[in-house]
Amino acid sequence: MFVWGALLYALCIAPSTYGFDTTKTCKDPATCAVVAGKDFETVRQVGTAVASTAALMKLFEEQQPSIEKKLEECANRARADVLARHRGQFKKETPDSEECRQTTRADTGRKMTWAQRLGEEMHKAARDCADLELGALRKGRYSLEQRYRIVDPKTGEKKLVSTEDEEALVNTGNGAELKGTVKPDVVIHEGDPLHAQAVYDFKFPCGEKGKPPDWSRYPEDHPFAGQYQNTIYERYIAPFVARIVPWLGVLE
């Protein structure tokens, strides 16, 4: 998004200055020529970046059907396996809306609703499946639960937060330092997560099959408070963003 915006600015705004006669509008025509040359160099560099982005997206699009098929299979398998694990806990094989709101305890002893517990367990199962399937399909060209820190929201500058750093912050009681970071489920790239092509998030609705869950909004104490996940992912992480929902497949 930022690359395209810069290109449009360079192509549409900057060239308008070249419509003037520099010998009449500048006291030093030679200096103006140098400045103009620098502006055109910016256009060239941005154009190269856009061309590179287009090439990366073409690579992704060629493999997109295979990637999404595997992720859909993982979501379906995760849902089925987790519900089978809890067979007998609900009136039917799938909990109803009331049962989804009831309180339970995870294996760790943490208190939560069944909707939260099933969602967490399904996410873990889907992640393990995705690691296996994508590892065979595109080894080294995907990341799972990669955390990003948006350094400068205006420019889009970001950096990666490693799993080791994340765990260290949490284990030392400094987890608050992770506030403002974002963590997609699946990131597709060609070897560098900072230059991603696509982001996928698994969404597991609790209860009978019905309306798919929407993208989540960031909470009030988050720097992106009130904004939807997909908006932030598309703005800062990758140009293509979608949900993977059991039985429904890929939803943007």
C-alpha atoms as a PDB file:
ATOM      1  CA  MET A   1       0.000   0.000   0.000  1.00  0.00           C
ATOM      2  CA  PHE A   2       2.794   2.398   0.931  1.00  0.00           C
ATOM      3  CA  VAL A   3       4.768   1.484  -2.181  1.00  0.00           C
ATOM      4  CA  TRP A   4       1.836   2.103  -4.467  1.00  0.00           C
ATOM      5  CA  GLY A   5       1.075   5.386  -2.710  1.00  0.00           C
ATOM      6  CA  ALA A   6       4.649   6.564  -3.125  1.00  0.00           C
ATOM      7  CA  LEU A   7       4.616   5.641  -6.790  1.00  0.00           C
ATOM      8  CA  LEU A   8       1.391   7.523  -7.418  1.00  0.00           C
ATOM      9  CA  TYR A   9       2.817  10.563  -5.682  1.00  0.00           C
ATOM     10  CA  ALA A  10       6.025  10.387  -7.661  1.00  0.00           C
ATOM     11  CA  LEU A  11       4.285   9.878 -10.981  1.00  0.00           C
ATOM     12  CA  CYS A  12       1.336  12.202 -10.529  1.00  0.00           C
ATOM     13  CA  ILE A  13       2.494  14.979  -8.220  1.00  0.00           C
ATOM     14  CA  ALA A  14       6.215  15.429  -8.758  1.00  0.00           C
ATOM     15  CA  PRO A  15       6.154  15.542 -12.607  1.00  0.00           C
ATOM     16  CA  SER A  16       3.734  18.482 -12.498  1.00  0.00           C
ATOM     17  CA  THR A  17       6.658  20.671 -11.445  1.00  0.00           C
ATOM     18  CA  TYR A  18       8.448  19.710 -14.602  1.00  0.00           C
ATOM     19  CA  GLY A  19       5.758  21.365 -16.672  1.00  0.00           C
ATOM     20  CA  PHE A  20       7.267  24.755 -15.787  1.00  0.00           C
ATOM     21  CA  ASP A  21      10.229  26.264 -17.580  1.00  0.00           C
ATOM     22  CA  THR A  22      12.987  25.803 -15.008  1.00  0.00           C
ATOM     23  CA  THR A  23      15.050  28.567 -16.577  1.00  0.00           C
ATOM     24  CA  LYS A  24      12.263  31.012 -15.672  1.00  0.00           C
ATOM     25  CA  THR A  25      11.243  29.640 -12.261  1.00  0.00           C
ATOM     26  CA  CYS A  26      14.705  28.864 -10.831  1.00  0.00           C
ATOM     27  CA  LYS A  27      17.512  31.257 -10.118  1.00  0.00           C
ATOM     28  CA  ASP A  28      19.991  28.461 -10.827  1.00  0.00           C
ATOM     29  CA  PRO A  29      18.824  26.236 -13.724  1.00  0.00           C
ATOM     30  CA  ALA A  30      21.709  23.823 -13.106  1.00  0.00           C
ATOM     31  CA  THR A  31      20.550  23.230  -9.540  1.00  0.00           C
ATOM     32  CA  CYS A  32      16.979  22.715 -10.731  1.00  0.00           C
ATOM     33  CA  ALA A  33      18.188  20.122 -13.204  1.00  0.00           C
ATOM     34  CA  VAL A  34      19.939  18.236 -10.400  1.00  0.00           C
ATOM     35  CA  VAL A  35      16.824  18.367  -8.190  1.00  0.00           C
ATOM     36  CA  ALA A  36      14.688  17.163 -11.086  1.00  0.00           C
ATOM     37  CA  GLY A  37      17.140  14.367 -11.670  1.00  0.00           C
ATOM     38  CA  LYS A  38      16.852  13.282  -8.042  1.00  0.00           C
ATOM     39  CA  ASP A  39      13.059  13.295  -8.282  1.00  0.00           C
ATOM     40  CA  PHE A  40      13.174  11.140 -11.391  1.00  0.00           C
ATOM     41  CA  GLU A  41      15.594   8.822  -9.628  1.00  0.00           C
ATOM     42  CA  THR A  42      13.007   8.442  -6.834  1.00  0.00           C
ATOM     43  CA  VAL A  43      10.399   7.543  -9.442  1.00  0.00           C
ATOM     44  CA  ARG A  44      12.767   4.957 -10.881  1.00  0.00           C
ATOM     45  CA  GLN A  45      13.502   3.399  -7.486  1.00  0.00           C
ATOM     46  CA  VAL A  46       9.839   3.269  -6.471  1.00  0.00           C
ATOM     47  CA  GLY A  47       8.940   1.838  -9.861  1.00  0.00           C
ATOM     48  CA  THR A  48      11.514  -0.926  -9.353  1.00  0.00           C
ATOM     49  CA  ALA A  49      10.031  -1.716  -5.923  1.00  0.00           C
ATOM     50  CA  VAL A  50       6.538  -1.940  -7.421  1.00  0.00           C
ATOM     51  CA  ALA A  51       7.812  -4.203 -10.183  1.00  0.00           C
ATOM     52  CA  SER A  52       9.419  -6.453  -7.550  1.00  0.00           C
ATOM     53  CA  THR A  53       6.169  -6.551  -5.572  1.00  0.00           C
ATOM     54  CA  ALA A  54       4.254  -7.469  -8.721  1.00  0.00           C
ATOM     55  CA  ALA A  55       6.715 -10.279  -9.442  1.00  0.00           C
ATOM     56  CA  LEU A  56       6.363 -11.638  -5.905  1.00  0.00           C
ATOM     57  CA  MET A  57       2.586 -11.533  -6.141  1.00  0.00           C
ATOM     58  CA  LYS A  58       2.699 -13.433  -9.415  1.00  0.00           C
ATOM     59  CA  LEU A  59       4.733 -16.178  -7.721  1.00  0.00           C
ATOM     60  CA  PHE A  60       2.170 -16.329  -4.925  1.00  0.00           C
ATOM     61  CA  GLU A  61      -0.825 -16.393  -7.262  1.00  0.00           C
ATOM     62  CA  GLU A  62       0.628 -19.361  -9.131  1.00  0.00           C
ATOM     63  CA  GLN A  63       0.671 -21.401  -5.931  1.00  0.00           C
ATOM     64  CA  GLN A  64      -2.300 -19.774  -4.204  1.00  0.00           C
ATOM     65  CA  PRO A  65      -4.822 -22.564  -4.999  1.00  0.00           C
ATOM     66  CA  SER A  66      -2.499 -25.222  -3.548  1.00  0.00           C
ATOM     67  CA  ILE A  67      -1.759 -23.148  -0.442  1.00  0.00           C
ATOM     68  CA  GLU A  68      -5.420 -22.439   0.249  1.00  0.00           C
ATOM     69  CA  LYS A  69      -6.473 -26.032  -0.352  1.00  0.00           C
ATOM     70  CA  LYS A  70      -4.010 -27.209   2.290  1.00  0.00           C
ATOM     71  CA  LEU A  71      -5.068 -24.542   4.785  1.00  0.00           C
ATOM     72  CA  GLU A  72      -8.752 -25.365   4.263  1.00  0.00           C
ATOM     73  CA  GLU A  73      -8.022 -29.048   4.860  1.00  0.00           C
ATOM     74  CA  CYS A  74      -6.126 -28.171   8.033  1.00  0.00           C
ATOM     75  CA  ALA A  75      -9.012 -26.051   9.351  1.00  0.00           C
ATOM     76  CA  ASN A  76     -11.558 -28.804   8.672  1.00  0.00           C
ATOM     77  CA  ARG A  77      -9.330 -31.471  10.220  1.00  0.00           C
ATOM     78  CA  ALA A  78      -8.595 -29.342  13.300  1.00  0.00           C
ATOM     79  CA  ARG A  79     -12.284 -28.715  13.962  1.00  0.00           C
ATOM     80  CA  ALA A  80     -13.221 -32.382  13.523  1.00  0.00           C
ATOM     81  CA  ASP A  81     -10.354 -33.689  15.675  1.00  0.00           C
ATOM     82  CA  VAL A  82     -10.956 -31.275  18.566  1.00  0.00           C
ATOM     83  CA  LEU A  83     -14.713 -31.920  18.644  1.00  0.00           C
ATOM     84  CA  ALA A  84     -14.045 -35.654  18.600  1.00  0.00           C
ATOM     85  CA  ARG A  85     -11.682 -35.184  21.560  1.00  0.00           C
ATOM     86  CA  HIS A  86     -14.534 -33.626  23.565  1.00  0.00           C
ATOM     87  CA  ARG A  87     -17.269 -36.006  22.470  1.00  0.00           C
ATOM     88  CA  GLY A  88     -19.719 -36.531  25.348  1.00  0.00           C
ATOM     89  CA  GLN A  89     -19.159 -33.072  26.808  1.00  0.00           C
ATOM     90  CA  PHE A  90     -22.107 -31.602  24.895  1.00  0.00           C
ATOM     91  CA  LYS A  91     -25.683 -32.621  24.153  1.00  0.00           C
ATOM     92  CA  LYS A  92     -24.714 -33.177  20.523  1.00  0.00           C
ATOM     93  CA  GLU A  93     -21.406 -33.568  18.728  1.00  0.00           C
ATOM     94  CA  THR A  94     -21.266 -29.785  18.314  1.00  0.00           C
ATOM     95  CA  PRO A  95     -22.000 -27.443  21.244  1.00  0.00           C
ATOM     96  CA  ASP A  96     -24.949 -25.113  20.899  1.00  0.00           C
ATOM     97  CA  SER A  97     -24.741 -21.368  21.553  1.00  0.00           C
ATOM     98  CA  GLU A  98     -25.570 -21.779  25.247  1.00  0.00           C
ATOM     99  CA  GLU A  99     -22.902 -24.442  25.739  1.00  0.00           C
ATOM    100  CA  CYS A 100     -20.368 -22.252  23.928  1.00  0.00           C
ATOM    101  CA  ARG A 101     -20.856 -19.606  26.628  1.00  0.00           C
ATOM    102  CA  GLN A 102     -20.504 -22.014  29.540  1.00  0.00           C
ATOM    103  CA  THR A 103     -17.348 -21.974  31.644  1.00  0.00           C
ATOM    104  CA  THR A 104     -14.715 -24.697  31.565  1.00  0.00           C
ATOM    105  CA  ARG A 105     -11.046 -25.103  32.401  1.00  0.00           C
ATOM    106  CA  ALA A 106      -8.269 -25.687  29.910  1.00  0.00           C
ATOM    107  CA  ASP A 107      -5.633 -28.372  30.496  1.00  0.00           C
ATOM    108  CA  THR A 108      -3.488 -25.639  32.065  1.00  0.00           C
ATOM    109  CA  GLY A 109      -6.211 -24.943  34.605  1.00  0.00           C
ATOM    110  CA  ARG A 110      -7.074 -21.571  33.115  1.00  0.00           C
ATOM    111  CA  LYS A 111     -10.774 -20.676  33.360  1.00  0.00           C
ATOM    112  CA  MET A 112     -12.486 -19.789  30.065  1.00  0.00           C
ATOM    113  CA  THR A 113     -15.630 -20.351  28.014  1.00  0.00           C
ATOM    114  CA  TRP A 114     -15.989 -23.393  25.815  1.00  0.00           C
ATOM    115  CA  ALA A 115     -15.881 -21.099  22.787  1.00  0.00           C
ATOM    116  CA  GLN A 116     -12.454 -19.842  23.876  1.00  0.00           C
ATOM    117  CA  ARG A 117     -11.146 -23.281  24.764  1.00  0.00           C
ATOM    118  CA  LEU A 118     -12.277 -24.942  21.559  1.00  0.00           C
ATOM    119  CA  GLY A 119     -10.955 -22.013  19.533  1.00  0.00           C
ATOM    120  CA  GLU A 120      -7.513 -22.236  21.126  1.00  0.00           C
ATOM    121  CA  GLU A 121      -7.330 -26.008  20.701  1.00  0.00           C
ATOM    122  CA  MET A 122      -8.460 -25.804  17.074  1.00  0.00           C
ATOM    123  CA  HIS A 123      -5.939 -23.063  16.336  1.00  0.00           C
ATOM    124  CA  LYS A 124      -3.114 -25.207  17.721  1.00  0.00           C
ATOM    125  CA  ALA A 125      -4.233 -28.249  15.737  1.00  0.00           C
ATOM    126  CA  ALA A 126      -4.549 -26.166  12.559  1.00  0.00           C
ATOM    127  CA  ARG A 127      -1.125 -24.611  13.142  1.00  0.00           C
ATOM    128  CA  ASP A 128       0.543 -28.013  13.511  1.00  0.00           C
ATOM    129  CA  CYS A 129      -1.204 -29.220  10.369  1.00  0.00           C
ATOM    130  CA  ALA A 130      -0.245 -26.091   8.422  1.00  0.00           C
ATOM    131  CA  ASP A 131       3.388 -26.465   9.463  1.00  0.00           C
ATOM    132  CA  LEU A 132       3.425 -30.002   8.123  1.00  0.00           C
ATOM    133  CA  GLU A 133       1.605 -29.237   4.867  1.00  0.00           C
ATOM    134  CA  LEU A 134       3.292 -25.927   4.030  1.00  0.00           C
ATOM    135  CA  GLY A 135       6.653 -27.376   5.027  1.00  0.00           C
ATOM    136  CA  ALA A 136       6.251 -29.899   2.239  1.00  0.00           C
ATOM    137  CA  LEU A 137       4.766 -27.389  -0.209  1.00  0.00           C
ATOM    138  CA  ARG A 138       7.056 -24.366   0.266  1.00  0.00           C
ATOM    139  CA  LYS A 139       9.778 -24.989   2.837  1.00  0.00           C
ATOM    140  CA  GLY A 140      11.313 -21.791   4.188  1.00  0.00           C
ATOM    141  CA  ARG A 141       8.734 -19.595   2.469  1.00  0.00           C
ATOM    142  CA  TYR A 142       6.077 -19.273   5.128  1.00  0.00           C
ATOM    143  CA  SER A 143       5.843 -18.260   8.793  1.00  0.00           C
ATOM    144  CA  LEU A 144       3.384 -19.306  11.469  1.00  0.00           C
ATOM    145  CA  GLU A 145       2.289 -16.922  14.221  1.00  0.00           C
ATOM    146  CA  GLN A 146       4.993 -14.445  13.284  1.00  0.00           C
ATOM    147  CA  ARG A 147       4.760 -11.369  15.498  1.00  0.00           C
ATOM    148  CA  TYR A 148       5.385  -7.928  13.984  1.00  0.00           C
ATOM    149  CA  ARG A 149       6.115  -4.635  15.695  1.00  0.00           C
ATOM    150  CA  ILE A 150       4.951  -1.624  13.681  1.00  0.00           C
ATOM    151  CA  VAL A 151       7.789   0.830  14.308  1.00  0.00           C
ATOM    152  CA  ASP A 152       6.318   3.751  12.362  1.00  0.00           C
ATOM    153  CA  PRO A 153       2.619   3.610  11.384  1.00  0.00           C
ATOM    154  CA  LYS A 154       3.075   6.554   9.007  1.00  0.00           C
ATOM    155  CA  THR A 155       5.789   4.970   6.856  1.00  0.00           C
ATOM    156  CA  GLY A 156       4.829   1.360   7.446  1.00  0.00           C
ATOM    157  CA  GLU A 157       8.244   0.522   8.897  1.00  0.00           C
ATOM    158  CA  LYS A 158       8.078  -2.721  10.856  1.00  0.00           C
ATOM    159  CA  LYS A 159      10.344  -5.320  12.388  1.00  0.00           C
ATOM    160  CA  LEU A 160      10.030  -8.933  13.428  1.00  0.00           C
ATOM    161  CA  VAL A 161       9.702 -10.102  17.013  1.00  0.00           C
ATOM    162  CA  SER A 162      11.224 -13.551  17.385  1.00  0.00           C
ATOM    163  CA  THR A 163       9.534 -16.325  19.326  1.00  0.00           C
ATOM    164  CA  GLU A 164      12.504 -16.341  21.704  1.00  0.00           C
ATOM    165  CA  ASP A 165      12.187 -12.611  22.399  1.00  0.00           C
ATOM    166  CA  GLU A 166       8.440 -12.925  22.875  1.00  0.00           C
ATOM    167  CA  GLU A 167       8.822 -15.773  25.354  1.00  0.00           C
ATOM    168  CA  ALA A 168      11.576 -13.931  27.219  1.00  0.00           C
ATOM    169  CA  LEU A 169       9.381 -10.855  27.644  1.00  0.00           C
ATOM    170  CA  VAL A 170       6.460 -12.927  28.891  1.00  0.00           C
ATOM    171  CA  ASN A 171       8.560 -15.084  31.234  1.00  0.00           C
ATOM    172  CA  THR A 172      10.242 -12.059  32.823  1.00  0.00           C
ATOM    173  CA  GLY A 173       6.957 -10.263  33.426  1.00  0.00           C
ATOM    174  CA  ASN A 174       7.519  -7.759  30.627  1.00  0.00           C
ATOM    175  CA  GLY A 175       4.743  -8.974  28.362  1.00  0.00           C
ATOM    176  CA  ALA A 176       3.311  -5.440  28.284  1.00  0.00           C
ATOM    177  CA  GLU A 177       6.108  -4.561  25.867  1.00  0.00           C
ATOM    178  CA  LEU A 178       4.312  -6.665  23.257  1.00  0.00           C
ATOM    179  CA  LYS A 179       1.391  -4.234  23.285  1.00  0.00           C
ATOM    180  CA  GLY A 180       0.864  -2.822  19.824  1.00  0.00           C
ATOM    181  CA  THR A 181       2.328  -5.807  18.005  1.00  0.00           C
ATOM    182  CA  VAL A 182       0.308  -7.914  15.555  1.00  0.00           C
ATOM    183  CA  LYS A 183       0.497 -11.678  15.070  1.00  0.00           C
ATOM    184  CA  PRO A 184      -1.162 -13.278  12.009  1.00  0.00           C
ATOM    185  CA  ASP A 185      -1.656 -17.054  11.956  1.00  0.00           C
ATOM    186  CA  VAL A 186      -0.045 -17.742   8.568  1.00  0.00           C
ATOM    187  CA  VAL A 187       2.255 -15.486   6.549  1.00  0.00           C
ATOM    188  CA  ILE A 188       3.261 -16.414   3.002  1.00  0.00           C
ATOM    189  CA  HIS A 189       6.530 -15.000   1.634  1.00  0.00           C
ATOM    190  CA  GLU A 190       9.551 -15.944  -0.462  1.00  0.00           C
ATOM    191  CA  GLY A 191      11.999 -16.182   2.408  1.00  0.00           C
ATOM    192  CA  ASP A 192      11.577 -12.838   4.189  1.00  0.00           C
ATOM    193  CA  PRO A 193       8.503 -12.256   6.396  1.00  0.00           C
ATOM    194  CA  LEU A 194       9.115  -8.496   6.165  1.00  0.00           C
ATOM    195  CA  HIS A 195       8.169  -8.730   2.486  1.00  0.00           C
ATOM    196  CA  ALA A 196       5.080 -10.911   2.716  1.00  0.00           C
ATOM    197  CA  GLN A 197       2.699 -11.746  -0.111  1.00  0.00           C
ATOM    198  CA  ALA A 198      -0.297 -12.972   1.869  1.00  0.00           C
ATOM    199  CA  VAL A 199      -1.721 -13.365   5.363  1.00  0.00           C
ATOM    200  CA  TYR A 200      -4.253 -15.989   6.460  1.00  0.00           C
ATOM    201  CA  ASP A 201      -6.011 -16.190   9.828  1.00  0.00           C
ATOM    202  CA  PHE A 202      -7.874 -19.286  10.995  1.00  0.00           C
ATOM    203  CA  LYS A 203     -11.336 -18.520  12.373  1.00  0.00           C
ATOM    204  CA  PHE A 204     -13.224 -21.185  14.300  1.00  0.00           C
ATOM    205  CA  PRO A 205     -16.837 -20.342  15.142  1.00  0.00           C
ATOM    206  CA  CYS A 206     -18.294 -22.151  18.126  1.00  0.00           C
ATOM    207  CA  GLY A 207     -21.563 -23.959  17.634  1.00  0.00           C
ATOM    208  CA  GLU A 208     -23.429 -25.142  14.579  1.00  0.00           C
ATOM    209  CA  LYS A 209     -22.286 -24.120  11.132  1.00  0.00           C
ATOM    210  CA  GLY A 210     -23.669 -20.710  10.396  1.00  0.00           C
ATOM    211  CA  LYS A 211     -22.552 -17.153   9.889  1.00  0.00           C
ATOM    212  CA  PRO A 212     -18.743 -17.021   9.687  1.00  0.00           C
ATOM    213  CA  PRO A 213     -16.928 -15.005  12.341  1.00  0.00           C
ATOM    214  CA  ASP A 214     -15.885 -11.548  11.263  1.00  0.00           C
ATOM    215  CA  TRP A 215     -12.403 -10.148  11.640  1.00  0.00           C
ATOM    216  CA  SER A 216     -11.672  -9.121  15.218  1.00  0.00           C
ATOM    217  CA  ARG A 217     -11.280  -5.503  16.296  1.00  0.00           C
ATOM    218  CA  TYR A 218      -8.278  -4.462  18.346  1.00  0.00           C
ATOM    219  CA  PRO A 219      -9.164  -3.585  21.973  1.00  0.00           C
ATOM    220  CA  GLU A 220      -9.269  -0.098  23.436  1.00  0.00           C
ATOM    221  CA  ASP A 221      -5.788  -0.266  24.967  1.00  0.00           C
ATOM    222  CA  HIS A 222      -4.196  -1.216  21.625  1.00  0.00           C
ATOM    223  CA  PRO A 223      -2.536   1.393  19.341  1.00  0.00           C
ATOM    224  CA  PHE A 224      -4.895   0.223  16.578  1.00  0.00           C
ATOM    225  CA  ALA A 225      -7.952   0.312  18.845  1.00  0.00           C
ATOM    226  CA  GLY A 226     -11.240  -0.110  17.016  1.00  0.00           C
ATOM    227  CA  GLN A 227      -9.650  -1.152  13.739  1.00  0.00           C
ATOM    228  CA  TYR A 228     -10.158  -4.580  12.221  1.00  0.00           C
ATOM    229  CA  GLN A 229      -7.353  -7.126  11.973  1.00  0.00           C
ATOM    230  CA  ASN A 230      -7.570  -7.413   8.200  1.00  0.00           C
ATOM    231  CA  THR A 231      -7.233  -3.646   7.775  1.00  0.00           C
ATOM    232  CA  ILE A 232      -3.989  -3.613   9.758  1.00  0.00           C
ATOM    233  CA  TYR A 233      -2.639  -6.757   8.086  1.00  0.00           C
ATOM    234  CA  GLU A 234      -3.256  -5.331   4.632  1.00  0.00           C
ATOM    235  CA  ARG A 235      -1.851  -1.941   5.546  1.00  0.00           C
ATOM    236  CA  TYR A 236       1.366  -3.179   7.130  1.00  0.00           C
ATOM    237  CA  ILE A 237       1.998  -6.864   6.433  1.00  0.00           C
ATOM    238  CA  ALA A 238       0.805  -8.107   3.028  1.00  0.00           C
ATOM    239  CA  PRO A 239      -1.348  -7.021   0.061  1.00  0.00           C
ATOM    240  CA  PHE A 240      -3.580 -10.121   0.210  1.00  0.00           C
ATOM    241  CA  VAL A 241      -5.428 -11.027   3.422  1.00  0.00           C
ATOM    242  CA  ALA A 242      -8.052 -13.711   4.035  1.00  0.00           C
ATOM    243  CA  ARG A 243      -9.782 -15.855   6.659  1.00  0.00           C
ATOM    244  CA  ILE A 244      -9.807 -19.655   6.648  1.00  0.00           C
ATOM    245  CA  VAL A 245     -13.071 -20.956   8.115  1.00  0.00           C
ATOM    246  CA  PRO A 246     -13.966 -24.685   8.443  1.00  0.00           C
ATOM    247  CA  TRP A 247     -16.431 -25.882   5.800  1.00  0.00           C
ATOM    248  CA  LEU A 248     -16.620 -22.383   4.295  1.00  0.00           C
ATOM    249  CA  GLY A 249     -13.064 -22.147   3.019  1.00  0.00           C
ATOM    250  CA  VAL A 250     -11.319 -18.895   2.124  1.00  0.00           C
ATOM    251  CA  LEU A 251     -13.123 -15.659   2.948  1.00  0.00           C
ATOM    252  CA  GLU A 252     -11.572 -12.242   2.452  1.00  0.00           C
END
